């Protein structure tokens, strides 16, 4: 696996974790499932830098 491909796989994995954590946190706060359009919007707005940054913040806040 090339270095670039490795980074892409890692970033995809991080984006998925961030999306799932945001989804779970929002769902808890409004006490229902998050609309698919909202989940898609979250996913589409994530880029590599923001996803890694959000994951670090989640870990710092211990949102797991």
PDB file of N, CA and C in Angstrom:
ATOM      1  N   UNK A   1       0.850  -1.173   0.000  1.00  0.00           N
ATOM      2  CA  UNK A   1       0.000   0.000   0.000  1.00  0.00           C
ATOM      3  C   UNK A   1       0.898   1.239   0.000  1.00  0.00           C
ATOM      4  N   UNK A   2       0.607   2.162  -0.870  1.00  0.00           N
ATOM      5  CA  UNK A   2       1.416   3.374  -0.946  1.00  0.00           C
ATOM      6  C   UNK A   2       1.118   4.269   0.246  1.00  0.00           C
ATOM      7  N   UNK A   3       2.023   5.191   0.499  1.00  0.00           N
ATOM      8  CA  UNK A   3       1.839   6.121   1.605  1.00  0.00           C
ATOM      9  C   UNK A   3       0.572   6.946   1.415  1.00  0.00           C
ATOM     10  N   UNK A   4       0.333   7.407   0.178  1.00  0.00           N
ATOM     11  CA  UNK A   4      -0.856   8.216  -0.090  1.00  0.00           C
ATOM     12  C   UNK A   4      -2.119   7.397   0.144  1.00  0.00           C
ATOM     13  N   UNK A   5      -2.132   6.173  -0.323  1.00  0.00           N
ATOM     14  CA  UNK A   5      -3.303   5.309  -0.128  1.00  0.00           C
ATOM     15  C   UNK A   5      -3.520   5.031   1.359  1.00  0.00           C
ATOM     16  N   UNK A   6      -2.448   4.840   2.081  1.00  0.00           N
ATOM     17  CA  UNK A   6      -2.535   4.615   3.523  1.00  0.00           C
ATOM     18  C   UNK A   6      -3.176   5.810   4.218  1.00  0.00           C
ATOM     19  N   UNK A   7      -2.783   7.013   3.799  1.00  0.00           N
ATOM     20  CA  UNK A   7      -3.372   8.228   4.375  1.00  0.00           C
ATOM     21  C   UNK A   7      -4.853   8.320   4.045  1.00  0.00           C
ATOM     22  N   UNK A   8      -5.232   7.944   2.819  1.00  0.00           N
ATOM     23  CA  UNK A   8      -6.639   7.995   2.426  1.00  0.00           C
ATOM     24  C   UNK A   8      -7.472   7.037   3.267  1.00  0.00           C
ATOM     25  N   UNK A   9      -6.969   5.837   3.473  1.00  0.00           N
ATOM     26  CA  UNK A   9      -7.684   4.846   4.272  1.00  0.00           C
ATOM     27  C   UNK A   9      -7.810   5.338   5.708  1.00  0.00           C
ATOM     28  N   UNK A  10      -6.727   5.875   6.255  1.00  0.00           N
ATOM     29  CA  UNK A  10      -6.761   6.399   7.616  1.00  0.00           C
ATOM     30  C   UNK A  10      -7.729   7.548   7.761  1.00  0.00           C
ATOM     31  N   UNK A  11      -7.741   8.451   6.789  1.00  0.00           N
ATOM     32  CA  UNK A  11      -8.645   9.594   6.827  1.00  0.00           C
ATOM     33  C   UNK A  11     -10.090   9.140   6.707  1.00  0.00           C
ATOM     34  N   UNK A  12     -10.360   8.178   5.851  1.00  0.00           N
ATOM     35  CA  UNK A  12     -11.723   7.663   5.728  1.00  0.00           C
ATOM     36  C   UNK A  12     -12.184   7.082   7.062  1.00  0.00           C
ATOM     37  N   UNK A  13     -11.310   6.342   7.714  1.00  0.00           N
ATOM     38  CA  UNK A  13     -11.617   5.736   9.005  1.00  0.00           C
ATOM     39  C   UNK A  13     -11.917   6.810  10.043  1.00  0.00           C
ATOM     40  N   UNK A  14     -11.105   7.872  10.079  1.00  0.00           N
ATOM     41  CA  UNK A  14     -11.312   8.965  11.026  1.00  0.00           C
ATOM     42  C   UNK A  14     -12.616   9.688  10.729  1.00  0.00           C
ATOM     43  N   UNK A  15     -12.896   9.958   9.463  1.00  0.00           N
ATOM     44  CA  UNK A  15     -14.149  10.619   9.093  1.00  0.00           C
ATOM     45  C   UNK A  15     -15.351   9.798   9.548  1.00  0.00           C
ATOM     46  N   UNK A  16     -15.274   8.502   9.392  1.00  0.00           N
ATOM     47  CA  UNK A  16     -16.369   7.626   9.808  1.00  0.00           C
ATOM     48  C   UNK A  16     -16.566   7.688  11.319  1.00  0.00           C
ATOM     49  N   UNK A  17     -15.492   7.668  12.085  1.00  0.00           N
ATOM     50  CA  UNK A  17     -15.594   7.761  13.548  1.00  0.00           C
ATOM     51  C   UNK A  17     -16.198   9.100  13.958  1.00  0.00           C
ATOM     52  N   UNK A  18     -15.716  10.182  13.364  1.00  0.00           N
ATOM     53  CA  UNK A  18     -16.225  11.515  13.694  1.00  0.00           C
ATOM     54  C   UNK A  18     -17.703  11.609  13.350  1.00  0.00           C
ATOM     55  N   UNK A  19     -18.075  11.146  12.165  1.00  0.00           N
ATOM     56  CA  UNK A  19     -19.480  11.207  11.772  1.00  0.00           C
ATOM     57  C   UNK A  19     -20.349  10.436  12.755  1.00  0.00           C
ATOM     58  N   UNK A  20     -19.901   9.253  13.144  1.00  0.00           N
ATOM     59  CA  UNK A  20     -20.662   8.421  14.073  1.00  0.00           C
ATOM     60  C   UNK A  20     -20.788   9.085  15.446  1.00  0.00           C
ATOM     61  N   UNK A  21     -19.693   9.684  15.920  1.00  0.00           N
ATOM     62  CA  UNK A  21     -19.727  10.342  17.233  1.00  0.00           C
ATOM     63  C   UNK A  21     -20.630  11.570  17.221  1.00  0.00           C
ATOM     64  N   UNK A  22     -20.557  12.366  16.158  1.00  0.00           N
ATOM     65  CA  UNK A  22     -21.441  13.528  16.042  1.00  0.00           C
ATOM     66  C   UNK A  22     -22.886  13.057  15.994  1.00  0.00           C
ATOM     67  N   UNK A  23     -23.152  12.044  15.208  1.00  0.00           N
ATOM     68  CA  UNK A  23     -24.489  11.477  15.079  1.00  0.00           C
ATOM     69  C   UNK A  23     -25.019  11.038  16.441  1.00  0.00           C
ATOM     70  N   UNK A  24     -24.224  10.284  17.196  1.00  0.00           N
ATOM     71  CA  UNK A  24     -24.642   9.785  18.509  1.00  0.00           C
ATOM     72  C   UNK A  24     -24.862  10.921  19.497  1.00  0.00           C
ATOM     73  N   UNK A  25     -23.970  11.905  19.489  1.00  0.00           N
ATOM     74  CA  UNK A  25     -24.078  13.027  20.423  1.00  0.00           C
ATOM     75  C   UNK A  25     -25.318  13.860  20.141  1.00  0.00           C
ATOM     76  N   UNK A  26     -25.556  14.164  18.874  1.00  0.00           N
ATOM     77  CA  UNK A  26     -26.744  14.943  18.507  1.00  0.00           C
ATOM     78  C   UNK A  26     -28.005  14.148  18.811  1.00  0.00           C
ATOM     79  N   UNK A  27     -28.004  12.869  18.505  1.00  0.00           N
ATOM     80  CA  UNK A  27     -29.176  12.029  18.768  1.00  0.00           C
ATOM     81  C   UNK A  27     -29.510  12.004  20.259  1.00  0.00           C
ATOM     82  N   UNK A  28     -28.503  11.928  21.104  1.00  0.00           N
ATOM     83  CA  UNK A  28     -28.738  11.943  22.557  1.00  0.00           C
ATOM     84  C   UNK A  28     -29.335  13.269  22.990  1.00  0.00           C
ATOM     85  N   UNK A  29     -28.825  14.359  22.442  1.00  0.00           N
ATOM     86  CA  UNK A  29     -29.281  15.677  22.885  1.00  0.00           C
ATOM     87  C   UNK A  29     -30.709  15.975  22.438  1.00  0.00           C
ATOM     88  N   UNK A  30     -31.138  15.441  21.305  1.00  0.00           N
ATOM     89  CA  UNK A  30     -32.513  15.682  20.861  1.00  0.00           C
ATOM     90  C   UNK A  30     -33.407  14.473  21.099  1.00  0.00           C
ATOM     91  N   UNK A  31     -32.837  13.421  21.673  1.00  0.00           N
ATOM     92  CA  UNK A  31     -33.564  12.220  22.072  1.00  0.00           C
ATOM     93  C   UNK A  31     -34.274  11.523  20.908  1.00  0.00           C
ATOM     94  N   UNK A  32     -33.646  11.520  19.755  1.00  0.00           N
ATOM     95  CA  UNK A  32     -34.159  10.756  18.617  1.00  0.00           C
ATOM     96  C   UNK A  32     -33.066  10.612  17.574  1.00  0.00           C
ATOM     97  N   UNK A  33     -33.314   9.779  16.601  1.00  0.00           N
ATOM     98  CA  UNK A  33     -32.322   9.563  15.543  1.00  0.00           C
ATOM     99  C   UNK A  33     -32.127  10.812  14.709  1.00  0.00           C
ATOM    100  N   UNK A  34     -30.926  10.961  14.240  1.00  0.00           N
ATOM    101  CA  UNK A  34     -30.599  12.108  13.400  1.00  0.00           C
ATOM    102  C   UNK A  34     -31.059  11.821  11.972  1.00  0.00           C
ATOM    103  N   UNK A  35     -31.673  12.811  11.381  1.00  0.00           N
ATOM    104  CA  UNK A  35     -32.163  12.712  10.016  1.00  0.00           C
ATOM    105  C   UNK A  35     -31.024  12.354   9.067  1.00  0.00           C
ATOM    106  N   UNK A  36     -31.327  11.538   8.069  1.00  0.00           N
ATOM    107  CA  UNK A  36     -30.301  11.113   7.102  1.00  0.00           C
ATOM    108  C   UNK A  36     -29.660  12.303   6.397  1.00  0.00           C
ATOM    109  N   UNK A  37     -30.455  13.324   6.101  1.00  0.00           N
ATOM    110  CA  UNK A  37     -29.912  14.510   5.427  1.00  0.00           C
ATOM    111  C   UNK A  37     -28.872  15.207   6.298  1.00  0.00           C
ATOM    112  N   UNK A  38     -29.101  15.224   7.613  1.00  0.00           N
ATOM    113  CA  UNK A  38     -28.143  15.843   8.528  1.00  0.00           C
ATOM    114  C   UNK A  38     -26.863  15.026   8.569  1.00  0.00           C
ATOM    115  N   UNK A  39     -26.994  13.698   8.638  1.00  0.00           N
ATOM    116  CA  UNK A  39     -25.812  12.835   8.647  1.00  0.00           C
ATOM    117  C   UNK A  39     -25.010  13.014   7.365  1.00  0.00           C
ATOM    118  N   UNK A  40     -25.689  13.098   6.237  1.00  0.00           N
ATOM    119  CA  UNK A  40     -25.015  13.289   4.953  1.00  0.00           C
ATOM    120  C   UNK A  40     -24.309  14.637   4.921  1.00  0.00           C
ATOM    121  N   UNK A  41     -24.960  15.658   5.464  1.00  0.00           N
ATOM    122  CA  UNK A  41     -24.362  16.987   5.505  1.00  0.00           C
ATOM    123  C   UNK A  41     -23.088  16.988   6.345  1.00  0.00           C
ATOM    124  N   UNK A  42     -23.137  16.318   7.497  1.00  0.00           N
ATOM    125  CA  UNK A  42     -21.946  16.215   8.348  1.00  0.00           C
ATOM    126  C   UNK A  42     -20.824  15.541   7.575  1.00  0.00           C
ATOM    127  N   UNK A  43     -21.145  14.421   6.931  1.00  0.00           N
ATOM    128  CA  UNK A  43     -20.138  13.653   6.188  1.00  0.00           C
ATOM    129  C   UNK A  43     -19.525  14.494   5.072  1.00  0.00           C
ATOM    130  N   UNK A  44     -20.366  15.217   4.328  1.00  0.00           N
ATOM    131  CA  UNK A  44     -19.880  15.995   3.188  1.00  0.00           C
ATOM    132  C   UNK A  44     -19.005  17.174   3.609  1.00  0.00           C
ATOM    133  N   UNK A  45     -19.185  17.669   4.823  1.00  0.00           N
ATOM    134  CA  UNK A  45     -18.411  18.820   5.279  1.00  0.00           C
ATOM    135  C   UNK A  45     -17.066  18.433   5.873  1.00  0.00           C
ATOM    136  N   UNK A  46     -16.860  17.138   6.097  1.00  0.00           N
ATOM    137  CA  UNK A  46     -15.592  16.702   6.677  1.00  0.00           C
ATOM    138  C   UNK A  46     -14.516  16.614   5.604  1.00  0.00           C
ATOM    139  N   UNK A  47     -13.405  17.238   5.864  1.00  0.00           N
ATOM    140  CA  UNK A  47     -12.224  16.992   5.051  1.00  0.00           C
ATOM    141  C   UNK A  47     -11.180  16.395   5.985  1.00  0.00           C
ATOM    142  N   UNK A  48     -10.056  16.050   5.470  1.00  0.00           N
ATOM    143  CA  UNK A  48      -9.051  15.351   6.274  1.00  0.00           C
ATOM    144  C   UNK A  48      -8.643  16.158   7.506  1.00  0.00           C
ATOM    145  N   UNK A  49      -8.345  17.424   7.320  1.00  0.00           N
ATOM    146  CA  UNK A  49      -7.869  18.239   8.442  1.00  0.00           C
ATOM    147  C   UNK A  49      -8.940  18.397   9.505  1.00  0.00           C
ATOM    148  N   UNK A  50     -10.166  18.706   9.091  1.00  0.00           N
ATOM    149  CA  UNK A  50     -11.223  18.907  10.083  1.00  0.00           C
ATOM    150  C   UNK A  50     -11.585  17.611  10.789  1.00  0.00           C
ATOM    151  N   UNK A  51     -11.546  16.498  10.079  1.00  0.00           N
ATOM    152  CA  UNK A  51     -11.872  15.214  10.702  1.00  0.00           C
ATOM    153  C   UNK A  51     -10.859  14.857  11.783  1.00  0.00           C
ATOM    154  N   UNK A  52      -9.569  14.982  11.463  1.00  0.00           N
ATOM    155  CA  UNK A  52      -8.541  14.671  12.462  1.00  0.00           C
ATOM    156  C   UNK A  52      -8.636  15.628  13.637  1.00  0.00           C
ATOM    157  N   UNK A  53      -8.879  16.908  13.367  1.00  0.00           N
ATOM    158  CA  UNK A  53      -9.006  17.910  14.422  1.00  0.00           C
ATOM    159  C   UNK A  53     -10.193  17.589  15.329  1.00  0.00           C
ATOM    160  N   UNK A  54     -11.327  17.238  14.738  1.00  0.00           N
ATOM    161  CA  UNK A  54     -12.510  16.902  15.530  1.00  0.00           C
ATOM    162  C   UNK A  54     -12.277  15.646  16.352  1.00  0.00           C
ATOM    163  N   UNK A  55     -11.607  14.658  15.780  1.00  0.00           N
ATOM    164  CA  UNK A  55     -11.335  13.430  16.525  1.00  0.00           C
ATOM    165  C   UNK A  55     -10.469  13.731  17.747  1.00  0.00           C
ATOM    166  N   UNK A  56      -9.470  14.568  17.587  1.00  0.00           N
ATOM    167  CA  UNK A  56      -8.629  14.945  18.722  1.00  0.00           C
ATOM    168  C   UNK A  56      -9.435  15.684  19.778  1.00  0.00           C
ATOM    169  N   UNK A  57     -10.348  16.541  19.352  1.00  0.00           N
ATOM    170  CA  UNK A  57     -11.188  17.265  20.312  1.00  0.00           C
ATOM    171  C   UNK A  57     -12.143  16.319  21.024  1.00  0.00           C
ATOM    172  N   UNK A  58     -12.723  15.374  20.303  1.00  0.00           N
ATOM    173  CA  UNK A  58     -13.602  14.394  20.946  1.00  0.00           C
ATOM    174  C   UNK A  58     -12.838  13.626  22.009  1.00  0.00           C
ATOM    175  N   UNK A  59     -11.624  13.203  21.665  1.00  0.00           N
ATOM    176  CA  UNK A  59     -10.811  12.464  22.626  1.00  0.00           C
ATOM    177  C   UNK A  59     -10.473  13.337  23.830  1.00  0.00           C
ATOM    178  N   UNK A  60     -10.203  14.609  23.593  1.00  0.00           N
ATOM    179  CA  UNK A  60      -9.895  15.523  24.692  1.00  0.00           C
ATOM    180  C   UNK A  60     -11.110  15.722  25.589  1.00  0.00           C
ATOM    181  N   UNK A  61     -12.293  15.735  24.996  1.00  0.00           N
ATOM    182  CA  UNK A  61     -13.531  15.901  25.765  1.00  0.00           C
ATOM    183  C   UNK A  61     -14.061  14.575  26.298  1.00  0.00           C
ATOM    184  N   UNK A  62     -13.408  13.499  25.905  1.00  0.00           N
ATOM    185  CA  UNK A  62     -13.792  12.140  26.284  1.00  0.00           C
ATOM    186  C   UNK A  62     -15.209  11.805  25.838  1.00  0.00           C
ATOM    187  N   UNK A  63     -15.544  12.220  24.623  1.00  0.00           N
ATOM    188  CA  UNK A  63     -16.823  11.849  24.017  1.00  0.00           C
ATOM    189  C   UNK A  63     -16.559  10.591  23.216  1.00  0.00           C
ATOM    190  N   UNK A  64     -17.006   9.495  23.730  1.00  0.00           N
ATOM    191  CA  UNK A  64     -16.737   8.222  23.072  1.00  0.00           C
ATOM    192  C   UNK A  64     -17.996   7.402  22.967  1.00  0.00           C
TER     193      UNK A  64
END
